[in-house]
Amino acid sequence: LFEHDQTSILTDAERSMLAAHAQRDIFAEALQQGFEPDQV
């Protein structure tokens, strides 16, 4: 998304965008390792 991997320098809006883009992949990986999502 931002051509660097330093999440610490992103704005809150950019981090929110990053979360939206990465959510599916992170959940997929976490589910394989036993993650059980909450209702929310």
PDB file of all heavy atoms in Angstrom:
ATOM      1  N   LEU A   1       0.803  -1.224   0.000  1.00  0.00           N
ATOM      2  CA  LEU A   1       0.000   0.000   0.000  1.00  0.00           C
ATOM      3  C   LEU A   1       0.833   1.270   0.000  1.00  0.00           C
ATOM      4  O   LEU A   1       0.486   2.254  -0.666  1.00  0.00           O
ATOM      5  CB  LEU A   1      -0.932   0.026   1.222  1.00  0.00           C
ATOM      6  CG  LEU A   1      -2.082  -0.960   1.225  1.00  0.00           C
ATOM      7  CD1 LEU A   1      -2.737  -0.996   2.603  1.00  0.00           C
ATOM      8  CD2 LEU A   1      -3.107  -0.575   0.170  1.00  0.00           C
ATOM      9  N   PHE A   2       1.927   1.279   0.778  1.00  0.00           N
ATOM     10  CA  PHE A   2       2.654   2.521   1.035  1.00  0.00           C
ATOM     11  C   PHE A   2       4.127   2.486   0.625  1.00  0.00           C
ATOM     12  O   PHE A   2       4.858   3.435   0.874  1.00  0.00           O
ATOM     13  CB  PHE A   2       2.555   2.875   2.526  1.00  0.00           C
ATOM     14  CG  PHE A   2       1.134   2.932   3.012  1.00  0.00           C
ATOM     15  CD1 PHE A   2       0.637   1.937   3.846  1.00  0.00           C
ATOM     16  CD2 PHE A   2       0.289   3.956   2.628  1.00  0.00           C
ATOM     17  CE1 PHE A   2      -0.677   1.968   4.301  1.00  0.00           C
ATOM     18  CE2 PHE A   2      -1.026   3.999   3.071  1.00  0.00           C
ATOM     19  CZ  PHE A   2      -1.510   3.005   3.904  1.00  0.00           C
ATOM     20  N   GLU A   3       4.567   1.377   0.036  1.00  0.00           N
ATOM     21  CA  GLU A   3       5.943   1.206  -0.450  1.00  0.00           C
ATOM     22  C   GLU A   3       6.991   1.290   0.650  1.00  0.00           C
ATOM     23  O   GLU A   3       8.125   1.695   0.433  1.00  0.00           O
ATOM     24  CB  GLU A   3       6.247   2.192  -1.586  1.00  0.00           C
ATOM     25  CG  GLU A   3       5.358   1.965  -2.791  1.00  0.00           C
ATOM     26  CD  GLU A   3       5.677   2.863  -3.962  1.00  0.00           C
ATOM     27  OE1 GLU A   3       6.558   3.730  -3.849  1.00  0.00           O
ATOM     28  OE2 GLU A   3       5.023   2.700  -5.004  1.00  0.00           O
ATOM     29  N   HIS A   4       6.592   0.934   1.860  1.00  0.00           N
ATOM     30  CA  HIS A   4       7.507   0.744   2.986  1.00  0.00           C
ATOM     31  C   HIS A   4       6.807  -0.172   3.977  1.00  0.00           C
ATOM     32  O   HIS A   4       5.604  -0.411   3.859  1.00  0.00           O
ATOM     33  CB  HIS A   4       7.907   2.076   3.651  1.00  0.00           C
ATOM     34  CG  HIS A   4       6.768   2.817   4.260  1.00  0.00           C
ATOM     35  ND1 HIS A   4       6.204   2.466   5.475  1.00  0.00           N
ATOM     36  CD2 HIS A   4       6.067   3.892   3.822  1.00  0.00           C
ATOM     37  CE1 HIS A   4       5.216   3.293   5.756  1.00  0.00           C
ATOM     38  NE2 HIS A   4       5.101   4.165   4.768  1.00  0.00           N
ATOM     39  N   ASP A   5       7.546  -0.696   4.942  1.00  0.00           N
ATOM     40  CA  ASP A   5       6.942  -1.628   5.900  1.00  0.00           C
ATOM     41  C   ASP A   5       6.981  -1.104   7.330  1.00  0.00           C
ATOM     42  O   ASP A   5       6.994  -1.869   8.284  1.00  0.00           O
ATOM     43  CB  ASP A   5       7.588  -3.007   5.809  1.00  0.00           C
ATOM     44  CG  ASP A   5       9.066  -2.983   6.164  1.00  0.00           C
ATOM     45  OD1 ASP A   5       9.617  -1.891   6.435  1.00  0.00           O
ATOM     46  OD2 ASP A   5       9.675  -4.068   6.184  1.00  0.00           O
ATOM     47  N   GLN A   6       6.970   0.197   7.482  1.00  0.00           N
ATOM     48  CA  GLN A   6       7.062   0.820   8.808  1.00  0.00           C
ATOM     49  C   GLN A   6       5.683   1.293   9.268  1.00  0.00           C
ATOM     50  O   GLN A   6       5.311   2.447   9.076  1.00  0.00           O
ATOM     51  CB  GLN A   6       8.059   1.971   8.779  1.00  0.00           C
ATOM     52  CG  GLN A   6       9.459   1.513   8.425  1.00  0.00           C
ATOM     53  CD  GLN A   6      10.417   2.668   8.283  1.00  0.00           C
ATOM     54  OE1 GLN A   6      10.017   3.817   8.144  1.00  0.00           O
ATOM     55  NE2 GLN A   6      11.697   2.364   8.347  1.00  0.00           N
ATOM     56  N   THR A   7       4.949   0.399   9.894  1.00  0.00           N
ATOM     57  CA  THR A   7       3.597   0.745  10.334  1.00  0.00           C
ATOM     58  C   THR A   7       3.602   1.847  11.381  1.00  0.00           C
ATOM     59  O   THR A   7       2.610   2.550  11.545  1.00  0.00           O
ATOM     60  CB  THR A   7       2.863  -0.485  10.890  1.00  0.00           C
ATOM     61  OG1 THR A   7       3.605  -1.019  11.991  1.00  0.00           O
ATOM     62  CG2 THR A   7       2.696  -1.547   9.823  1.00  0.00           C
ATOM     63  N   SER A   8       4.715   2.020  12.074  1.00  0.00           N
ATOM     64  CA  SER A   8       4.788   3.033  13.134  1.00  0.00           C
ATOM     65  C   SER A   8       4.744   4.460  12.603  1.00  0.00           C
ATOM     66  O   SER A   8       4.425   5.383  13.352  1.00  0.00           O
ATOM     67  CB  SER A   8       6.046   2.839  13.982  1.00  0.00           C
ATOM     68  OG  SER A   8       7.196   2.999  13.176  1.00  0.00           O
ATOM     69  N   ILE A   9       5.040   4.666  11.331  1.00  0.00           N
ATOM     70  CA  ILE A   9       5.023   6.038  10.790  1.00  0.00           C
ATOM     71  C   ILE A   9       3.720   6.357  10.054  1.00  0.00           C
ATOM     72  O   ILE A   9       3.547   7.461   9.561  1.00  0.00           O
ATOM     73  CB  ILE A   9       6.238   6.308   9.864  1.00  0.00           C
ATOM     74  CG1 ILE A   9       6.193   5.439   8.615  1.00  0.00           C
ATOM     75  CG2 ILE A   9       7.535   6.136  10.621  1.00  0.00           C
ATOM     76  CD1 ILE A   9       7.243   5.817   7.579  1.00  0.00           C
ATOM     77  N   LEU A  10       2.785   5.409  10.030  1.00  0.00           N
ATOM     78  CA  LEU A  10       1.511   5.637   9.359  1.00  0.00           C
ATOM     79  C   LEU A  10       0.590   6.492  10.225  1.00  0.00           C
ATOM     80  O   LEU A  10       0.652   6.451  11.455  1.00  0.00           O
ATOM     81  CB  LEU A  10       0.818   4.310   9.072  1.00  0.00           C
ATOM     82  CG  LEU A  10       1.539   3.328   8.149  1.00  0.00           C
ATOM     83  CD1 LEU A  10       0.752   2.028   8.056  1.00  0.00           C
ATOM     84  CD2 LEU A  10       1.764   3.933   6.789  1.00  0.00           C
ATOM     85  N   THR A  11      -0.280   7.232   9.585  1.00  0.00           N
ATOM     86  CA  THR A  11      -1.314   7.970  10.306  1.00  0.00           C
ATOM     87  C   THR A  11      -2.386   6.978  10.758  1.00  0.00           C
ATOM     88  O   THR A  11      -2.419   5.828  10.298  1.00  0.00           O
ATOM     89  CB  THR A  11      -1.972   9.028   9.407  1.00  0.00           C
ATOM     90  OG1 THR A  11      -2.669   8.354   8.344  1.00  0.00           O
ATOM     91  CG2 THR A  11      -0.956   9.997   8.822  1.00  0.00           C
ATOM     92  N   ASP A  12      -3.279   7.421  11.619  1.00  0.00           N
ATOM     93  CA  ASP A  12      -4.366   6.546  12.057  1.00  0.00           C
ATOM     94  C   ASP A  12      -5.227   6.107  10.873  1.00  0.00           C
ATOM     95  O   ASP A  12      -5.630   4.949  10.788  1.00  0.00           O
ATOM     96  CB  ASP A  12      -5.238   7.245  13.096  1.00  0.00           C
ATOM     97  CG  ASP A  12      -4.538   7.382  14.439  1.00  0.00           C
ATOM     98  OD1 ASP A  12      -3.551   6.666  14.689  1.00  0.00           O
ATOM     99  OD2 ASP A  12      -4.999   8.209  15.254  1.00  0.00           O
ATOM    100  N   ALA A  13      -5.483   7.018   9.955  1.00  0.00           N
ATOM    101  CA  ALA A  13      -6.285   6.680   8.772  1.00  0.00           C
ATOM    102  C   ALA A  13      -5.568   5.644   7.905  1.00  0.00           C
ATOM    103  O   ALA A  13      -6.203   4.709   7.389  1.00  0.00           O
ATOM    104  CB  ALA A  13      -6.592   7.928   7.961  1.00  0.00           C
ATOM    105  N   GLU A  14      -4.259   5.779   7.753  1.00  0.00           N
ATOM    106  CA  GLU A  14      -3.487   4.814   6.966  1.00  0.00           C
ATOM    107  C   GLU A  14      -3.455   3.455   7.661  1.00  0.00           C
ATOM    108  O   GLU A  14      -3.553   2.416   7.000  1.00  0.00           O
ATOM    109  CB  GLU A  14      -2.074   5.330   6.728  1.00  0.00           C
ATOM    110  CG  GLU A  14      -2.019   6.499   5.772  1.00  0.00           C
ATOM    111  CD  GLU A  14      -0.661   7.166   5.714  1.00  0.00           C
ATOM    112  OE1 GLU A  14       0.105   7.120   6.715  1.00  0.00           O
ATOM    113  OE2 GLU A  14      -0.354   7.770   4.661  1.00  0.00           O
ATOM    114  N   ARG A  15      -3.319   3.442   8.988  1.00  0.00           N
ATOM    115  CA  ARG A  15      -3.346   2.172   9.716  1.00  0.00           C
ATOM    116  C   ARG A  15      -4.705   1.491   9.584  1.00  0.00           C
ATOM    117  O   ARG A  15      -4.787   0.271   9.477  1.00  0.00           O
ATOM    118  CB  ARG A  15      -3.009   2.399  11.188  1.00  0.00           C
ATOM    119  CG  ARG A  15      -1.549   2.644  11.433  1.00  0.00           C
ATOM    120  CD  ARG A  15      -1.233   2.642  12.915  1.00  0.00           C
ATOM    121  NE  ARG A  15       0.117   3.118  13.127  1.00  0.00           N
ATOM    122  CZ  ARG A  15       0.429   4.200  13.812  1.00  0.00           C
ATOM    123  NH1 ARG A  15      -0.504   4.921  14.394  1.00  0.00           N
ATOM    124  NH2 ARG A  15       1.686   4.570  13.946  1.00  0.00           N
ATOM    125  N   SER A  16      -5.757   2.276   9.599  1.00  0.00           N
ATOM    126  CA  SER A  16      -7.102   1.722   9.415  1.00  0.00           C
ATOM    127  C   SER A  16      -7.232   1.097   8.024  1.00  0.00           C
ATOM    128  O   SER A  16      -7.791   0.008   7.868  1.00  0.00           O
ATOM    129  CB  SER A  16      -8.145   2.821   9.617  1.00  0.00           C
ATOM    130  OG  SER A  16      -9.438   2.305   9.460  1.00  0.00           O
ATOM    131  N   MET A  17      -6.692   1.780   7.019  1.00  0.00           N
ATOM    132  CA  MET A  17      -6.704   1.249   5.653  1.00  0.00           C
ATOM    133  C   MET A  17      -5.884  -0.038   5.592  1.00  0.00           C
ATOM    134  O   MET A  17      -6.298  -1.027   4.966  1.00  0.00           O
ATOM    135  CB  MET A  17      -6.124   2.279   4.678  1.00  0.00           C
ATOM    136  CG  MET A  17      -6.125   1.830   3.232  1.00  0.00           C
ATOM    137  SD  MET A  17      -5.236   2.915   2.086  1.00  0.00           S
ATOM    138  CE  MET A  17      -5.889   4.511   2.499  1.00  0.00           C
ATOM    139  N   LEU A  18      -4.744  -0.041   6.247  1.00  0.00           N
ATOM    140  CA  LEU A  18      -3.898  -1.228   6.292  1.00  0.00           C
ATOM    141  C   LEU A  18      -4.643  -2.394   6.941  1.00  0.00           C
ATOM    142  O   LEU A  18      -4.620  -3.517   6.427  1.00  0.00           O
ATOM    143  CB  LEU A  18      -2.612  -0.925   7.063  1.00  0.00           C
ATOM    144  CG  LEU A  18      -1.684  -2.103   7.349  1.00  0.00           C
ATOM    145  CD1 LEU A  18      -1.234  -2.775   6.052  1.00  0.00           C
ATOM    146  CD2 LEU A  18      -0.492  -1.640   8.173  1.00  0.00           C
ATOM    147  N   ALA A  19      -5.331  -2.126   8.039  1.00  0.00           N
ATOM    148  CA  ALA A  19      -6.093  -3.176   8.720  1.00  0.00           C
ATOM    149  C   ALA A  19      -7.164  -3.755   7.799  1.00  0.00           C
ATOM    150  O   ALA A  19      -7.358  -4.974   7.749  1.00  0.00           O
ATOM    151  CB  ALA A  19      -6.722  -2.619   9.997  1.00  0.00           C
ATOM    152  N   ALA A  20      -7.831  -2.893   7.061  1.00  0.00           N
ATOM    153  CA  ALA A  20      -8.872  -3.358   6.140  1.00  0.00           C
ATOM    154  C   ALA A  20      -8.286  -4.259   5.052  1.00  0.00           C
ATOM    155  O   ALA A  20      -8.886  -5.273   4.687  1.00  0.00           O
ATOM    156  CB  ALA A  20      -9.591  -2.164   5.512  1.00  0.00           C
ATOM    157  N   HIS A  21      -7.107  -3.916   4.565  1.00  0.00           N
ATOM    158  CA  HIS A  21      -6.479  -4.713   3.502  1.00  0.00           C
ATOM    159  C   HIS A  21      -5.881  -6.018   4.020  1.00  0.00           C
ATOM    160  O   HIS A  21      -5.893  -7.024   3.319  1.00  0.00           O
ATOM    161  CB  HIS A  21      -5.396  -3.889   2.792  1.00  0.00           C
ATOM    162  CG  HIS A  21      -5.944  -2.900   1.826  1.00  0.00           C
ATOM    163  ND1 HIS A  21      -6.200  -3.192   0.514  1.00  0.00           N
ATOM    164  CD2 HIS A  21      -6.309  -1.605   1.986  1.00  0.00           C
ATOM    165  CE1 HIS A  21      -6.697  -2.135  -0.092  1.00  0.00           C
ATOM    166  NE2 HIS A  21      -6.776  -1.159   0.792  1.00  0.00           N
ATOM    167  N   ALA A  22      -5.350  -6.010   5.231  1.00  0.00           N
ATOM    168  CA  ALA A  22      -4.639  -7.177   5.759  1.00  0.00           C
ATOM    169  C   ALA A  22      -5.547  -8.126   6.538  1.00  0.00           C
ATOM    170  O   ALA A  22      -5.180  -9.274   6.781  1.00  0.00           O
ATOM    171  CB  ALA A  22      -3.494  -6.717   6.662  1.00  0.00           C
ATOM    172  N   GLN A  23      -6.730  -7.678   6.912  1.00  0.00           N
ATOM    173  CA  GLN A  23      -7.603  -8.449   7.789  1.00  0.00           C
ATOM    174  C   GLN A  23      -7.857  -9.870   7.292  1.00  0.00           C
ATOM    175  O   GLN A  23      -7.705 -10.827   8.038  1.00  0.00           O
ATOM    176  CB  GLN A  23      -8.931  -7.721   7.973  1.00  0.00           C
ATOM    177  CG  GLN A  23      -9.898  -8.455   8.872  1.00  0.00           C
ATOM    178  CD  GLN A  23     -11.212  -7.715   9.029  1.00  0.00           C
ATOM    179  OE1 GLN A  23     -11.528  -6.818   8.255  1.00  0.00           O
ATOM    180  NE2 GLN A  23     -11.971  -8.084  10.026  1.00  0.00           N
ATOM    181  N   ARG A  24      -8.222 -10.018   6.053  1.00  0.00           N
ATOM    182  CA  ARG A  24      -8.558 -11.339   5.510  1.00  0.00           C
ATOM    183  C   ARG A  24      -7.378 -12.314   5.615  1.00  0.00           C
ATOM    184  O   ARG A  24      -7.534 -13.451   6.059  1.00  0.00           O
ATOM    185  CB  ARG A  24      -9.014 -11.196   4.070  1.00  0.00           C
ATOM    186  CG  ARG A  24      -9.496 -12.483   3.463  1.00  0.00           C
ATOM    187  CD  ARG A  24      -9.956 -12.264   2.033  1.00  0.00           C
ATOM    188  NE  ARG A  24     -10.566 -13.462   1.548  1.00  0.00           N
ATOM    189  CZ  ARG A  24     -11.686 -13.507   0.869  1.00  0.00           C
ATOM    190  NH1 ARG A  24     -12.314 -12.396   0.580  1.00  0.00           N
ATOM    191  NH2 ARG A  24     -12.183 -14.646   0.451  1.00  0.00           N
ATOM    192  N   ASP A  25      -6.189 -11.859   5.218  1.00  0.00           N
ATOM    193  CA  ASP A  25      -5.009 -12.724   5.263  1.00  0.00           C
ATOM    194  C   ASP A  25      -4.630 -13.074   6.705  1.00  0.00           C
ATOM    195  O   ASP A  25      -4.260 -14.212   6.998  1.00  0.00           O
ATOM    196  CB  ASP A  25      -3.822 -12.062   4.572  1.00  0.00           C
ATOM    197  CG  ASP A  25      -3.966 -12.025   3.062  1.00  0.00           C
ATOM    198  OD1 ASP A  25      -4.794 -12.779   2.512  1.00  0.00           O
ATOM    199  OD2 ASP A  25      -3.241 -11.227   2.426  1.00  0.00           O
ATOM    200  N   ILE A  26      -4.706 -12.093   7.594  1.00  0.00           N
ATOM    201  CA  ILE A  26      -4.342 -12.337   8.996  1.00  0.00           C
ATOM    202  C   ILE A  26      -5.336 -13.297   9.643  1.00  0.00           C
ATOM    203  O   ILE A  26      -4.939 -14.236  10.341  1.00  0.00           O
ATOM    204  CB  ILE A  26      -4.228 -11.017   9.774  1.00  0.00           C
ATOM    205  CG1 ILE A  26      -2.972 -10.272   9.303  1.00  0.00           C
ATOM    206  CG2 ILE A  26      -4.185 -11.263  11.293  1.00  0.00           C
ATOM    207  CD1 ILE A  26      -2.795  -8.888   9.854  1.00  0.00           C
ATOM    208  N   PHE A  27      -6.626 -13.109   9.396  1.00  0.00           N
ATOM    209  CA  PHE A  27      -7.612 -14.036   9.946  1.00  0.00           C
ATOM    210  C   PHE A  27      -7.403 -15.439   9.391  1.00  0.00           C
ATOM    211  O   PHE A  27      -7.505 -16.419  10.126  1.00  0.00           O
ATOM    212  CB  PHE A  27      -9.034 -13.561   9.664  1.00  0.00           C
ATOM    213  CG  PHE A  27      -9.519 -12.498  10.611  1.00  0.00           C
ATOM    214  CD1 PHE A  27     -10.751 -11.915  10.412  1.00  0.00           C
ATOM    215  CD2 PHE A  27      -8.774 -12.064  11.697  1.00  0.00           C
ATOM    216  CE1 PHE A  27     -11.231 -10.934  11.278  1.00  0.00           C
ATOM    217  CE2 PHE A  27      -9.227 -11.084  12.559  1.00  0.00           C
ATOM    218  CZ  PHE A  27     -10.459 -10.532  12.356  1.00  0.00           C
ATOM    219  N   ALA A  28      -7.136 -15.558   8.107  1.00  0.00           N
ATOM    220  CA  ALA A  28      -6.920 -16.878   7.506  1.00  0.00           C
ATOM    221  C   ALA A  28      -5.739 -17.586   8.163  1.00  0.00           C
ATOM    222  O   ALA A  28      -5.830 -18.772   8.504  1.00  0.00           O
ATOM    223  CB  ALA A  28      -6.694 -16.741   5.997  1.00  0.00           C
ATOM    224  N   GLU A  29      -4.641 -16.875   8.351  1.00  0.00           N
ATOM    225  CA  GLU A  29      -3.450 -17.463   8.980  1.00  0.00           C
ATOM    226  C   GLU A  29      -3.733 -17.793  10.449  1.00  0.00           C
ATOM    227  O   GLU A  29      -3.373 -18.876  10.923  1.00  0.00           O
ATOM    228  CB  GLU A  29      -2.271 -16.499   8.876  1.00  0.00           C
ATOM    229  CG  GLU A  29      -0.982 -17.020   9.452  1.00  0.00           C
ATOM    230  CD  GLU A  29      -0.396 -18.202   8.704  1.00  0.00           C
ATOM    231  OE1 GLU A  29      -0.688 -18.367   7.498  1.00  0.00           O
ATOM    232  OE2 GLU A  29       0.354 -18.975   9.332  1.00  0.00           O
ATOM    233  N   ALA A  30      -4.370 -16.885  11.153  1.00  0.00           N
ATOM    234  CA  ALA A  30      -4.661 -17.111  12.573  1.00  0.00           C
ATOM    235  C   ALA A  30      -5.635 -18.272  12.766  1.00  0.00           C
ATOM    236  O   ALA A  30      -5.479 -19.067  13.701  1.00  0.00           O
ATOM    237  CB  ALA A  30      -5.213 -15.837  13.198  1.00  0.00           C
ATOM    238  N   LEU A  31      -6.628 -18.393  11.894  1.00  0.00           N
ATOM    239  CA  LEU A  31      -7.581 -19.499  11.979  1.00  0.00           C
ATOM    240  C   LEU A  31      -6.883 -20.844  11.825  1.00  0.00           C
ATOM    241  O   LEU A  31      -7.238 -21.821  12.487  1.00  0.00           O
ATOM    242  CB  LEU A  31      -8.683 -19.348  10.932  1.00  0.00           C
ATOM    243  CG  LEU A  31      -9.732 -18.285  11.242  1.00  0.00           C
ATOM    244  CD1 LEU A  31     -10.591 -17.999  10.004  1.00  0.00           C
ATOM    245  CD2 LEU A  31     -10.602 -18.707  12.417  1.00  0.00           C
ATOM    246  N   GLN A  32      -5.886 -20.902  10.956  1.00  0.00           N
ATOM    247  CA  GLN A  32      -5.130 -22.140  10.769  1.00  0.00           C
ATOM    248  C   GLN A  32      -4.356 -22.514  12.028  1.00  0.00           C
ATOM    249  O   GLN A  32      -4.036 -23.668  12.244  1.00  0.00           O
ATOM    250  CB  GLN A  32      -4.159 -22.010   9.604  1.00  0.00           C
ATOM    251  CG  GLN A  32      -4.832 -21.989   8.259  1.00  0.00           C
ATOM    252  CD  GLN A  32      -3.828 -21.857   7.120  1.00  0.00           C
ATOM    253  OE1 GLN A  32      -2.637 -21.643   7.334  1.00  0.00           O
ATOM    254  NE2 GLN A  32      -4.319 -21.988   5.909  1.00  0.00           N
ATOM    255  N   GLN A  33      -4.073 -21.501  12.858  1.00  0.00           N
ATOM    256  CA  GLN A  33      -3.296 -21.730  14.067  1.00  0.00           C
ATOM    257  C   GLN A  33      -4.169 -21.799  15.321  1.00  0.00           C
ATOM    258  O   GLN A  33      -3.668 -21.745  16.430  1.00  0.00           O
ATOM    259  CB  GLN A  33      -2.245 -20.631  14.215  1.00  0.00           C
ATOM    260  CG  GLN A  33      -1.232 -20.632  13.093  1.00  0.00           C
ATOM    261  CD  GLN A  33      -0.189 -19.562  13.280  1.00  0.00           C
ATOM    262  OE1 GLN A  33       0.257 -19.304  14.390  1.00  0.00           O
ATOM    263  NE2 GLN A  33       0.207 -18.917  12.198  1.00  0.00           N
ATOM    264  N   GLY A  34      -5.491 -21.885  15.135  1.00  0.00           N
ATOM    265  CA  GLY A  34      -6.376 -22.076  16.269  1.00  0.00           C
ATOM    266  C   GLY A  34      -7.153 -20.863  16.740  1.00  0.00           C
ATOM    267  O   GLY A  34      -7.840 -20.924  17.753  1.00  0.00           O
ATOM    268  N   PHE A  35      -7.066 -19.759  16.027  1.00  0.00           N
ATOM    269  CA  PHE A  35      -7.816 -18.559  16.404  1.00  0.00           C
ATOM    270  C   PHE A  35      -9.311 -18.822  16.291  1.00  0.00           C
ATOM    271  O   PHE A  35      -9.783 -19.391  15.318  1.00  0.00           O
ATOM    272  CB  PHE A  35      -7.420 -17.396  15.491  1.00  0.00           C
ATOM    273  CG  PHE A  35      -8.267 -16.157  15.642  1.00  0.00           C
ATOM    274  CD1 PHE A  35      -8.287 -15.448  16.831  1.00  0.00           C
ATOM    275  CD2 PHE A  35      -9.040 -15.691  14.589  1.00  0.00           C
ATOM    276  CE1 PHE A  35      -9.052 -14.298  16.968  1.00  0.00           C
ATOM    277  CE2 PHE A  35      -9.809 -14.551  14.708  1.00  0.00           C
ATOM    278  CZ  PHE A  35      -9.813 -13.852  15.904  1.00  0.00           C
ATOM    279  N   GLU A  36     -10.050 -18.419  17.315  1.00  0.00           N
ATOM    280  CA  GLU A  36     -11.501 -18.517  17.305  1.00  0.00           C
ATOM    281  C   GLU A  36     -12.066 -17.111  17.479  1.00  0.00           C
ATOM    282  O   GLU A  36     -12.005 -16.558  18.577  1.00  0.00           O
ATOM    283  CB  GLU A  36     -11.987 -19.441  18.419  1.00  0.00           C
ATOM    284  CG  GLU A  36     -11.547 -20.872  18.223  1.00  0.00           C
ATOM    285  CD  GLU A  36     -12.022 -21.793  19.327  1.00  0.00           C
ATOM    286  OE1 GLU A  36     -12.902 -21.395  20.118  1.00  0.00           O
ATOM    287  OE2 GLU A  36     -11.504 -22.912  19.401  1.00  0.00           O
ATOM    288  N   PRO A  37     -12.616 -16.520  16.419  1.00  0.00           N
ATOM    289  CA  PRO A  37     -13.093 -15.143  16.512  1.00  0.00           C
ATOM    290  C   PRO A  37     -14.272 -14.997  17.455  1.00  0.00           C
ATOM    291  O   PRO A  37     -15.083 -15.913  17.609  1.00  0.00           O
ATOM    292  CB  PRO A  37     -13.501 -14.804  15.079  1.00  0.00           C
ATOM    293  CG  PRO A  37     -13.638 -16.095  14.381  1.00  0.00           C
ATOM    294  CD  PRO A  37     -12.814 -17.105  15.110  1.00  0.00           C
ATOM    295  N   ASP A  38     -14.343 -13.828  18.098  1.00  0.00           N
ATOM    296  CA  ASP A  38     -15.477 -13.479  18.955  1.00  0.00           C
ATOM    297  C   ASP A  38     -16.672 -13.155  18.083  1.00  0.00           C
ATOM    298  O   ASP A  38     -16.579 -13.066  16.872  1.00  0.00           O
ATOM    299  CB  ASP A  38     -15.146 -12.240  19.804  1.00  0.00           C
ATOM    300  CG  ASP A  38     -14.026 -12.524  20.797  1.00  0.00           C
ATOM    301  OD1 ASP A  38     -13.856 -13.693  21.188  1.00  0.00           O
ATOM    302  OD2 ASP A  38     -13.329 -11.570  21.170  1.00  0.00           O
ATOM    303  N   GLN A  39     -17.796 -12.891  18.718  1.00  0.00           N
ATOM    304  CA  GLN A  39     -18.994 -12.466  18.009  1.00  0.00           C
ATOM    305  C   GLN A  39     -18.751 -11.149  17.288  1.00  0.00           C
ATOM    306  O   GLN A  39     -19.234 -10.931  16.200  1.00  0.00           O
ATOM    307  CB  GLN A  39     -20.151 -12.291  18.995  1.00  0.00           C
ATOM    308  CG  GLN A  39     -20.578 -13.573  19.673  1.00  0.00           C
ATOM    309  CD  GLN A  39     -21.498 -14.391  18.803  1.00  0.00           C
ATOM    310  OE1 GLN A  39     -22.122 -13.873  17.900  1.00  0.00           O
ATOM    311  NE2 GLN A  39     -21.574 -15.673  19.078  1.00  0.00           N
ATOM    312  N   VAL A  40     -17.994 -10.251  17.926  1.00  0.00           N
ATOM    313  CA  VAL A  40     -17.709  -8.938  17.348  1.00  0.00           C
ATOM    314  C   VAL A  40     -16.278  -8.946  16.860  1.00  0.00           C
ATOM    315  O   VAL A  40     -15.363  -9.176  17.620  1.00  0.00           O
ATOM    316  CB  VAL A  40     -17.894  -7.818  18.392  1.00  0.00           C
ATOM    317  CG1 VAL A  40     -17.550  -6.471  17.792  1.00  0.00           C
ATOM    318  CG2 VAL A  40     -19.315  -7.827  18.922  1.00  0.00           C
TER     319      VAL A  40
END
